Amino acid sequence: MNFRTTVLSLAVAIAFAGAAPVTPPTTSKAANPMTEADVRALLTTQGYSGINDVEFKDGTWTADGKSV
């Protein structure tokens, strides 16, 4: 049993020795979050008109509009 425990310990040590450390991001927020005006401007440049009901919910922007 002692040999088996030693081999298992060695295998675990080798497995973890090769693993690179994981560094979490400093922040999960966007560097420059979009505003409602940014969303409206982007949709306008993409050819949408009549943009209304612009809303940010659960991390996603939604809007109603008409494609030209």
C-alpha atoms as a PDB file:
ATOM      1  CA  MET A   1       0.000   0.000   0.000  1.00  0.00           C
ATOM      2  CA  ASN A   2       2.805   2.409   0.785  1.00  0.00           C
ATOM      3  CA  PHE A   3       4.234   2.074  -2.743  1.00  0.00           C
ATOM      4  CA  ARG A   4       0.823   2.794  -4.258  1.00  0.00           C
ATOM      5  CA  THR A   5       0.389   5.950  -2.140  1.00  0.00           C
ATOM      6  CA  THR A   6       3.855   7.179  -3.124  1.00  0.00           C
ATOM      7  CA  VAL A   7       3.197   6.628  -6.830  1.00  0.00           C
ATOM      8  CA  LEU A   8      -0.173   8.352  -6.614  1.00  0.00           C
ATOM      9  CA  SER A   9       1.352  11.333  -4.790  1.00  0.00           C
ATOM     10  CA  LEU A  10       4.096  11.568  -7.387  1.00  0.00           C
ATOM     11  CA  ALA A  11       1.576  11.433 -10.249  1.00  0.00           C
ATOM     12  CA  VAL A  12      -0.501  14.214  -8.705  1.00  0.00           C
ATOM     13  CA  ALA A  13       2.606  16.357  -8.140  1.00  0.00           C
ATOM     14  CA  ILE A  14       3.719  15.906 -11.758  1.00  0.00           C
ATOM     15  CA  ALA A  15       0.252  16.745 -13.064  1.00  0.00           C
ATOM     16  CA  PHE A  16       0.085  19.988 -11.104  1.00  0.00           C
ATOM     17  CA  ALA A  17       3.684  20.957 -11.846  1.00  0.00           C
ATOM     18  CA  GLY A  18       2.903  21.339 -15.547  1.00  0.00           C
ATOM     19  CA  ALA A  19      -0.243  23.382 -15.035  1.00  0.00           C
ATOM     20  CA  ALA A  20       0.111  27.086 -15.750  1.00  0.00           C
ATOM     21  CA  PRO A  21      -1.317  29.449 -13.161  1.00  0.00           C
ATOM     22  CA  VAL A  22      -4.665  30.934 -14.055  1.00  0.00           C
ATOM     23  CA  THR A  23      -4.928  34.677 -13.610  1.00  0.00           C
ATOM     24  CA  PRO A  24      -8.487  36.005 -13.536  1.00  0.00           C
ATOM     25  CA  PRO A  25      -9.213  39.219 -15.441  1.00  0.00           C
ATOM     26  CA  THR A  26      -8.856  42.399 -13.433  1.00  0.00           C
ATOM     27  CA  THR A  27     -12.410  43.347 -14.263  1.00  0.00           C
ATOM     28  CA  SER A  28     -15.324  41.799 -16.077  1.00  0.00           C
ATOM     29  CA  LYS A  29     -16.743  45.156 -17.157  1.00  0.00           C
ATOM     30  CA  ALA A  30     -16.158  46.527 -20.626  1.00  0.00           C
ATOM     31  CA  ALA A  31     -13.459  49.174 -20.909  1.00  0.00           C
ATOM     32  CA  ASN A  32     -15.869  51.552 -22.670  1.00  0.00           C
ATOM     33  CA  PRO A  33     -19.462  50.432 -22.115  1.00  0.00           C
ATOM     34  CA  MET A  34     -21.976  51.511 -24.730  1.00  0.00           C
ATOM     35  CA  THR A  35     -24.622  54.057 -23.890  1.00  0.00           C
ATOM     36  CA  GLU A  36     -28.109  54.291 -25.347  1.00  0.00           C
ATOM     37  CA  ALA A  37     -26.898  57.080 -27.634  1.00  0.00           C
ATOM     38  CA  ASP A  38     -24.053  54.825 -28.869  1.00  0.00           C
ATOM     39  CA  VAL A  39     -26.509  52.035 -29.654  1.00  0.00           C
ATOM     40  CA  ARG A  40     -28.829  54.397 -31.530  1.00  0.00           C
ATOM     41  CA  ALA A  41     -25.896  55.829 -33.521  1.00  0.00           C
ATOM     42  CA  LEU A  42     -24.600  52.371 -34.404  1.00  0.00           C
ATOM     43  CA  LEU A  43     -28.010  51.185 -35.592  1.00  0.00           C
ATOM     44  CA  THR A  44     -28.443  54.372 -37.641  1.00  0.00           C
ATOM     45  CA  THR A  45     -25.069  53.853 -39.365  1.00  0.00           C
ATOM     46  CA  GLN A  46     -26.116  50.280 -40.164  1.00  0.00           C
ATOM     47  CA  GLY A  47     -29.180  51.581 -42.013  1.00  0.00           C
ATOM     48  CA  TYR A  48     -31.927  51.235 -39.409  1.00  0.00           C
ATOM     49  CA  SER A  49     -34.560  53.926 -38.896  1.00  0.00           C
ATOM     50  CA  GLY A  50     -37.448  54.447 -36.485  1.00  0.00           C
ATOM     51  CA  ILE A  51     -35.310  53.145 -33.623  1.00  0.00           C
ATOM     52  CA  ASN A  52     -37.206  52.975 -30.333  1.00  0.00           C
ATOM     53  CA  ASP A  53     -37.463  50.916 -27.145  1.00  0.00           C
ATOM     54  CA  VAL A  54     -33.681  50.853 -26.699  1.00  0.00           C
ATOM     55  CA  GLU A  55     -33.087  48.899 -23.509  1.00  0.00           C
ATOM     56  CA  PHE A  56     -30.163  47.250 -21.705  1.00  0.00           C
ATOM     57  CA  LYS A  57     -31.211  44.142 -19.796  1.00  0.00           C
ATOM     58  CA  ASP A  58     -29.224  41.146 -18.546  1.00  0.00           C
ATOM     59  CA  GLY A  59     -26.069  42.327 -20.335  1.00  0.00           C
ATOM     60  CA  THR A  60     -27.665  42.773 -23.756  1.00  0.00           C
ATOM     61  CA  TRP A  61     -28.901  45.801 -25.660  1.00  0.00           C
ATOM     62  CA  THR A  62     -32.241  45.378 -27.451  1.00  0.00           C
ATOM     63  CA  ALA A  63     -34.115  47.808 -29.673  1.00  0.00           C
ATOM     64  CA  ASP A  64     -36.932  48.008 -32.169  1.00  0.00           C
ATOM     65  CA  GLY A  65     -36.260  49.532 -35.569  1.00  0.00           C
ATOM     66  CA  LYS A  66     -36.924  49.308 -39.281  1.00  0.00           C
ATOM     67  CA  SER A  67     -34.361  48.257 -41.844  1.00  0.00           C
ATOM     68  CA  VAL A  68     -34.196  50.417 -44.917  1.00  0.00           C
END
